[in-house]
Amino acid sequence: MGDERIRLFCALQLPDGALDALVRWREEHLRGGRPVRRENLHVTLAFLGSRPAAEVPLIAAALSDAAAEAAPAELRPRRFRETRGAGMLVLDDAGGRAAALAGDLQERLEALGAYRREGRAWLPHVTLTRFRTREGLRPEAPNMCSIHVVRAALYRSSLGRDGATYDALETAALGGR
């Protein structure tokens, strides 16, 4: 690994049924932009950016420890949100379990010196599409069942001509199961 640097983030992994429903909804309601690949859909817990590859084992251990102490999360689509560069679904975090995991993980990563919290509160969301400029979209959020999340992962993000590719380097079960 040496001095190599890689882009890293920790995220909740979404179950297949939720991924399928989100992709169907996006195809029906979002036009324009560059759709995020199905396999790249996730809920970011902490974006670490460019980090030394040698830190991966420590970061993975922090994720594993935080996930082991967390409970599975229930997320529900609440509203569509568009920023200058992205279209996303903001999610309700029933019981605050995902937020508790995000907070615990961010604290552990800060203690390692691998992360610095943002000034704003953590917002659970799934980015579905990327834009060069705002599209002015205002679709209603999908009416779907809760998304039951039971796993988190440490991902490497590799930027490429066709967009980013995310590879799970480590995964961890919420609640240690």
C-alpha atoms as a PDB file:
ATOM      1  CA  MET A   1       0.000   0.000   0.000  1.00  0.00           C
ATOM      2  CA  GLY A   2       2.842   2.397   0.805  1.00  0.00           C
ATOM      3  CA  ASP A   3       2.102   6.039   0.025  1.00  0.00           C
ATOM      4  CA  GLU A   4      -0.833   5.280  -2.262  1.00  0.00           C
ATOM      5  CA  ARG A   5      -3.913   7.438  -1.648  1.00  0.00           C
ATOM      6  CA  ILE A   6      -7.468   6.349  -2.362  1.00  0.00           C
ATOM      7  CA  ARG A   7     -10.884   8.041  -2.141  1.00  0.00           C
ATOM      8  CA  LEU A   8     -12.958   6.490   0.646  1.00  0.00           C
ATOM      9  CA  PHE A   9     -16.418   6.761   2.143  1.00  0.00           C
ATOM     10  CA  CYS A  10     -18.574   4.743   4.542  1.00  0.00           C
ATOM     11  CA  ALA A  11     -22.198   4.084   3.660  1.00  0.00           C
ATOM     12  CA  LEU A  12     -25.305   2.071   4.352  1.00  0.00           C
ATOM     13  CA  GLN A  13     -25.891  -0.641   1.776  1.00  0.00           C
ATOM     14  CA  LEU A  14     -29.419  -0.789   0.381  1.00  0.00           C
ATOM     15  CA  PRO A  15     -31.205  -4.119  -0.132  1.00  0.00           C
ATOM     16  CA  ASP A  16     -31.895  -5.372  -3.659  1.00  0.00           C
ATOM     17  CA  GLY A  17     -35.660  -4.760  -3.499  1.00  0.00           C
ATOM     18  CA  ALA A  18     -35.126  -1.129  -2.521  1.00  0.00           C
ATOM     19  CA  LEU A  19     -32.515  -0.661  -5.246  1.00  0.00           C
ATOM     20  CA  ASP A  20     -34.932  -2.039  -7.839  1.00  0.00           C
ATOM     21  CA  ALA A  21     -37.755   0.244  -6.637  1.00  0.00           C
ATOM     22  CA  LEU A  22     -35.498   3.321  -6.609  1.00  0.00           C
ATOM     23  CA  VAL A  23     -34.258   2.648 -10.139  1.00  0.00           C
ATOM     24  CA  ARG A  24     -37.833   2.161 -11.425  1.00  0.00           C
ATOM     25  CA  TRP A  25     -38.941   5.399  -9.763  1.00  0.00           C
ATOM     26  CA  ARG A  26     -35.964   7.294 -11.187  1.00  0.00           C
ATOM     27  CA  GLU A  27     -36.657   5.998 -14.705  1.00  0.00           C
ATOM     28  CA  GLU A  28     -40.279   7.141 -14.442  1.00  0.00           C
ATOM     29  CA  HIS A  29     -39.734  10.556 -12.812  1.00  0.00           C
ATOM     30  CA  LEU A  30     -36.266  11.911 -13.521  1.00  0.00           C
ATOM     31  CA  ARG A  31     -35.233  13.091 -16.951  1.00  0.00           C
ATOM     32  CA  GLY A  32     -31.871  14.454 -17.900  1.00  0.00           C
ATOM     33  CA  GLY A  33     -28.659  14.250 -15.990  1.00  0.00           C
ATOM     34  CA  ARG A  34     -26.481  11.184 -15.595  1.00  0.00           C
ATOM     35  CA  PRO A  35     -28.188   8.405 -13.602  1.00  0.00           C
ATOM     36  CA  VAL A  36     -26.175   6.898 -10.770  1.00  0.00           C
ATOM     37  CA  ARG A  37     -25.642   3.204 -11.490  1.00  0.00           C
ATOM     38  CA  ARG A  38     -27.843   0.839  -9.494  1.00  0.00           C
ATOM     39  CA  GLU A  39     -24.802  -0.782  -7.873  1.00  0.00           C
ATOM     40  CA  ASN A  40     -23.601   2.651  -6.703  1.00  0.00           C
ATOM     41  CA  LEU A  41     -26.795   3.663  -4.860  1.00  0.00           C
ATOM     42  CA  HIS A  42     -26.179   3.995  -1.107  1.00  0.00           C
ATOM     43  CA  VAL A  43     -26.680   6.265   1.920  1.00  0.00           C
ATOM     44  CA  THR A  44     -23.397   7.958   2.838  1.00  0.00           C
ATOM     45  CA  LEU A  45     -22.477   7.894   6.520  1.00  0.00           C
ATOM     46  CA  ALA A  46     -19.110   9.669   6.186  1.00  0.00           C
ATOM     47  CA  PHE A  47     -17.155  10.842   3.137  1.00  0.00           C
ATOM     48  CA  LEU A  48     -13.452  10.682   3.923  1.00  0.00           C
ATOM     49  CA  GLY A  49     -12.053  11.803   0.573  1.00  0.00           C
ATOM     50  CA  SER A  50      -8.470  11.016  -0.374  1.00  0.00           C
ATOM     51  CA  ARG A  51      -6.791   8.985   2.382  1.00  0.00           C
ATOM     52  CA  PRO A  52      -3.599   6.934   2.612  1.00  0.00           C
ATOM     53  CA  ALA A  53      -4.366   3.329   1.666  1.00  0.00           C
ATOM     54  CA  ALA A  54      -2.506   2.248   4.791  1.00  0.00           C
ATOM     55  CA  GLU A  55      -5.406   3.655   6.870  1.00  0.00           C
ATOM     56  CA  VAL A  56      -7.947   1.216   5.389  1.00  0.00           C
ATOM     57  CA  PRO A  57      -7.621  -1.406   8.176  1.00  0.00           C
ATOM     58  CA  LEU A  58      -8.143   1.211  10.923  1.00  0.00           C
ATOM     59  CA  ILE A  59     -11.089   2.804   9.112  1.00  0.00           C
ATOM     60  CA  ALA A  60     -12.630  -0.622   8.452  1.00  0.00           C
ATOM     61  CA  ALA A  61     -12.255  -1.502  12.157  1.00  0.00           C
ATOM     62  CA  ALA A  62     -13.973   1.753  13.174  1.00  0.00           C
ATOM     63  CA  LEU A  63     -16.852   0.964  10.796  1.00  0.00           C
ATOM     64  CA  SER A  64     -17.100  -2.605  12.071  1.00  0.00           C
ATOM     65  CA  ASP A  65     -17.138  -1.488  15.723  1.00  0.00           C
ATOM     66  CA  ALA A  66     -19.750   1.225  15.114  1.00  0.00           C
ATOM     67  CA  ALA A  67     -21.932  -1.153  13.064  1.00  0.00           C
ATOM     68  CA  ALA A  68     -21.732  -3.866  15.735  1.00  0.00           C
ATOM     69  CA  GLU A  69     -23.197  -1.425  18.273  1.00  0.00           C
ATOM     70  CA  ALA A  70     -25.885  -0.131  15.902  1.00  0.00           C
ATOM     71  CA  ALA A  71     -29.361  -1.469  15.290  1.00  0.00           C
ATOM     72  CA  PRO A  72     -30.767  -2.121  11.814  1.00  0.00           C
ATOM     73  CA  ALA A  73     -32.254   1.065  10.377  1.00  0.00           C
ATOM     74  CA  GLU A  74     -35.626   1.802   8.784  1.00  0.00           C
ATOM     75  CA  LEU A  75     -35.541   4.500   6.113  1.00  0.00           C
ATOM     76  CA  ARG A  76     -38.496   5.936   4.179  1.00  0.00           C
ATOM     77  CA  PRO A  77     -38.435   8.232   1.145  1.00  0.00           C
ATOM     78  CA  ARG A  78     -39.674  11.660   2.269  1.00  0.00           C
ATOM     79  CA  ARG A  79     -39.010  14.117  -0.565  1.00  0.00           C
ATOM     80  CA  PHE A  80     -37.017  14.755  -3.710  1.00  0.00           C
ATOM     81  CA  ARG A  81     -34.258  17.329  -3.408  1.00  0.00           C
ATOM     82  CA  GLU A  82     -32.268  18.888  -6.198  1.00  0.00           C
ATOM     83  CA  THR A  83     -28.952  20.641  -5.719  1.00  0.00           C
ATOM     84  CA  ARG A  84     -26.775  22.286  -8.341  1.00  0.00           C
ATOM     85  CA  GLY A  85     -25.136  18.961  -9.165  1.00  0.00           C
ATOM     86  CA  ALA A  86     -27.405  16.167  -7.964  1.00  0.00           C
ATOM     87  CA  GLY A  87     -30.948  14.846  -7.655  1.00  0.00           C
ATOM     88  CA  MET A  88     -31.615  12.854  -4.503  1.00  0.00           C
ATOM     89  CA  LEU A  89     -34.282  11.344  -2.319  1.00  0.00           C
ATOM     90  CA  VAL A  90     -34.144  12.596   1.253  1.00  0.00           C
ATOM     91  CA  LEU A  91     -35.051   9.822   3.672  1.00  0.00           C
ATOM     92  CA  ASP A  92     -36.806   9.733   7.036  1.00  0.00           C
ATOM     93  CA  ASP A  93     -34.822   7.794   9.621  1.00  0.00           C
ATOM     94  CA  ALA A  94     -37.469   6.041  11.730  1.00  0.00           C
ATOM     95  CA  GLY A  95     -36.203   5.879  15.299  1.00  0.00           C
ATOM     96  CA  GLY A  96     -32.995   7.759  14.460  1.00  0.00           C
ATOM     97  CA  ARG A  97     -30.949   4.553  14.196  1.00  0.00           C
ATOM     98  CA  ALA A  98     -29.101   5.533  11.028  1.00  0.00           C
ATOM     99  CA  ALA A  99     -28.283   8.959  12.492  1.00  0.00           C
ATOM    100  CA  ALA A 100     -26.980   7.318  15.670  1.00  0.00           C
ATOM    101  CA  LEU A 101     -24.721   5.076  13.586  1.00  0.00           C
ATOM    102  CA  ALA A 102     -23.519   8.021  11.489  1.00  0.00           C
ATOM    103  CA  GLY A 103     -22.717  10.033  14.620  1.00  0.00           C
ATOM    104  CA  ASP A 104     -20.881   7.174  16.325  1.00  0.00           C
ATOM    105  CA  LEU A 105     -18.909   6.334  13.189  1.00  0.00           C
ATOM    106  CA  GLN A 106     -17.987   9.964  12.527  1.00  0.00           C
ATOM    107  CA  GLU A 107     -16.766  10.313  16.115  1.00  0.00           C
ATOM    108  CA  ARG A 108     -14.605   7.179  15.777  1.00  0.00           C
ATOM    109  CA  LEU A 109     -13.176   8.373  12.458  1.00  0.00           C
ATOM    110  CA  GLU A 110     -12.410  11.804  13.922  1.00  0.00           C
ATOM    111  CA  ALA A 111     -10.525  10.137  16.777  1.00  0.00           C
ATOM    112  CA  LEU A 112      -8.392   8.377  14.141  1.00  0.00           C
ATOM    113  CA  GLY A 113      -7.731  11.689  12.383  1.00  0.00           C
ATOM    114  CA  ALA A 114      -9.323  10.267   9.223  1.00  0.00           C
ATOM    115  CA  TYR A 115     -12.426  12.463   9.141  1.00  0.00           C
ATOM    116  CA  ARG A 116     -13.639  15.940   9.950  1.00  0.00           C
ATOM    117  CA  ARG A 117     -17.357  16.524  10.481  1.00  0.00           C
ATOM    118  CA  GLU A 118     -19.213  18.924   8.253  1.00  0.00           C
ATOM    119  CA  GLY A 119     -20.773  22.034   9.758  1.00  0.00           C
ATOM    120  CA  ARG A 120     -24.269  20.851   8.865  1.00  0.00           C
ATOM    121  CA  ALA A 121     -26.266  17.979  10.334  1.00  0.00           C
ATOM    122  CA  TRP A 122     -26.073  14.569   8.643  1.00  0.00           C
ATOM    123  CA  LEU A 123     -28.883  14.161   6.102  1.00  0.00           C
ATOM    124  CA  PRO A 124     -29.874  10.628   5.106  1.00  0.00           C
ATOM    125  CA  HIS A 125     -30.348  10.572   1.331  1.00  0.00           C
ATOM    126  CA  VAL A 126     -29.768   8.553  -1.823  1.00  0.00           C
ATOM    127  CA  THR A 127     -28.286  10.388  -4.799  1.00  0.00           C
ATOM    128  CA  LEU A 128     -30.059   9.083  -7.904  1.00  0.00           C
ATOM    129  CA  THR A 129     -28.716  11.311 -10.668  1.00  0.00           C
ATOM    130  CA  ARG A 130     -25.980  13.886 -11.321  1.00  0.00           C
ATOM    131  CA  PHE A 131     -26.473  17.169 -13.197  1.00  0.00           C
ATOM    132  CA  ARG A 132     -24.237  19.760 -14.799  1.00  0.00           C
ATOM    133  CA  THR A 133     -26.854  22.400 -13.904  1.00  0.00           C
ATOM    134  CA  ARG A 134     -30.116  22.335 -11.979  1.00  0.00           C
ATOM    135  CA  GLU A 135     -32.944  20.688 -13.876  1.00  0.00           C
ATOM    136  CA  GLY A 136     -35.847  22.179 -11.879  1.00  0.00           C
ATOM    137  CA  LEU A 137     -37.415  18.788 -11.185  1.00  0.00           C
ATOM    138  CA  ARG A 138     -40.107  18.471  -8.500  1.00  0.00           C
ATOM    139  CA  PRO A 139     -41.431  14.894  -8.502  1.00  0.00           C
ATOM    140  CA  GLU A 140     -43.326  13.455  -5.559  1.00  0.00           C
ATOM    141  CA  ALA A 141     -41.288  11.006  -3.477  1.00  0.00           C
ATOM    142  CA  PRO A 142     -41.969   7.355  -4.240  1.00  0.00           C
ATOM    143  CA  ASN A 143     -44.674   5.668  -2.238  1.00  0.00           C
ATOM    144  CA  MET A 144     -42.783   2.568  -1.199  1.00  0.00           C
ATOM    145  CA  CYS A 145     -42.357   0.485   1.910  1.00  0.00           C
ATOM    146  CA  SER A 146     -39.653   1.202   4.438  1.00  0.00           C
ATOM    147  CA  ILE A 147     -36.117   0.340   3.436  1.00  0.00           C
ATOM    148  CA  HIS A 148     -34.745  -2.071   6.037  1.00  0.00           C
ATOM    149  CA  VAL A 149     -30.971  -1.533   6.186  1.00  0.00           C
ATOM    150  CA  VAL A 150     -28.813  -4.170   7.874  1.00  0.00           C
ATOM    151  CA  ARG A 151     -25.304  -3.587   6.451  1.00  0.00           C
ATOM    152  CA  ALA A 152     -22.750  -0.830   6.096  1.00  0.00           C
ATOM    153  CA  ALA A 153     -19.582  -0.773   4.010  1.00  0.00           C
ATOM    154  CA  LEU A 154     -16.293   1.002   3.506  1.00  0.00           C
ATOM    155  CA  TYR A 155     -16.073   1.915  -0.171  1.00  0.00           C
ATOM    156  CA  ARG A 156     -13.289   2.970  -2.470  1.00  0.00           C
ATOM    157  CA  SER A 157     -14.453   5.521  -5.048  1.00  0.00           C
ATOM    158  CA  SER A 158     -12.612   5.466  -8.358  1.00  0.00           C
ATOM    159  CA  LEU A 159     -13.360   8.314 -10.731  1.00  0.00           C
ATOM    160  CA  GLY A 160     -13.586   7.446 -14.404  1.00  0.00           C
ATOM    161  CA  ARG A 161     -14.745   8.744 -17.731  1.00  0.00           C
ATOM    162  CA  ASP A 162     -18.187   7.153 -17.282  1.00  0.00           C
ATOM    163  CA  GLY A 163     -18.600   8.330 -13.681  1.00  0.00           C
ATOM    164  CA  ALA A 164     -17.475   6.902 -10.381  1.00  0.00           C
ATOM    165  CA  THR A 165     -17.149   3.225  -9.563  1.00  0.00           C
ATOM    166  CA  TYR A 166     -17.581   2.150  -5.955  1.00  0.00           C
ATOM    167  CA  ASP A 167     -15.943  -0.988  -4.585  1.00  0.00           C
ATOM    168  CA  ALA A 168     -16.812  -2.291  -1.135  1.00  0.00           C
ATOM    169  CA  LEU A 169     -13.510  -2.942   0.641  1.00  0.00           C
ATOM    170  CA  GLU A 170     -15.164  -4.152   3.876  1.00  0.00           C
ATOM    171  CA  THR A 171     -18.746  -4.711   4.977  1.00  0.00           C
ATOM    172  CA  ALA A 172     -20.211  -4.864   8.458  1.00  0.00           C
ATOM    173  CA  ALA A 173     -23.558  -6.078   9.776  1.00  0.00           C
ATOM    174  CA  LEU A 174     -25.587  -3.633  11.851  1.00  0.00           C
ATOM    175  CA  GLY A 175     -25.962  -5.155  15.292  1.00  0.00           C
ATOM    176  CA  GLY A 176     -23.037  -7.467  14.587  1.00  0.00           C
ATOM    177  CA  ARG A 177     -25.232 -10.095  12.916  1.00  0.00           C
END
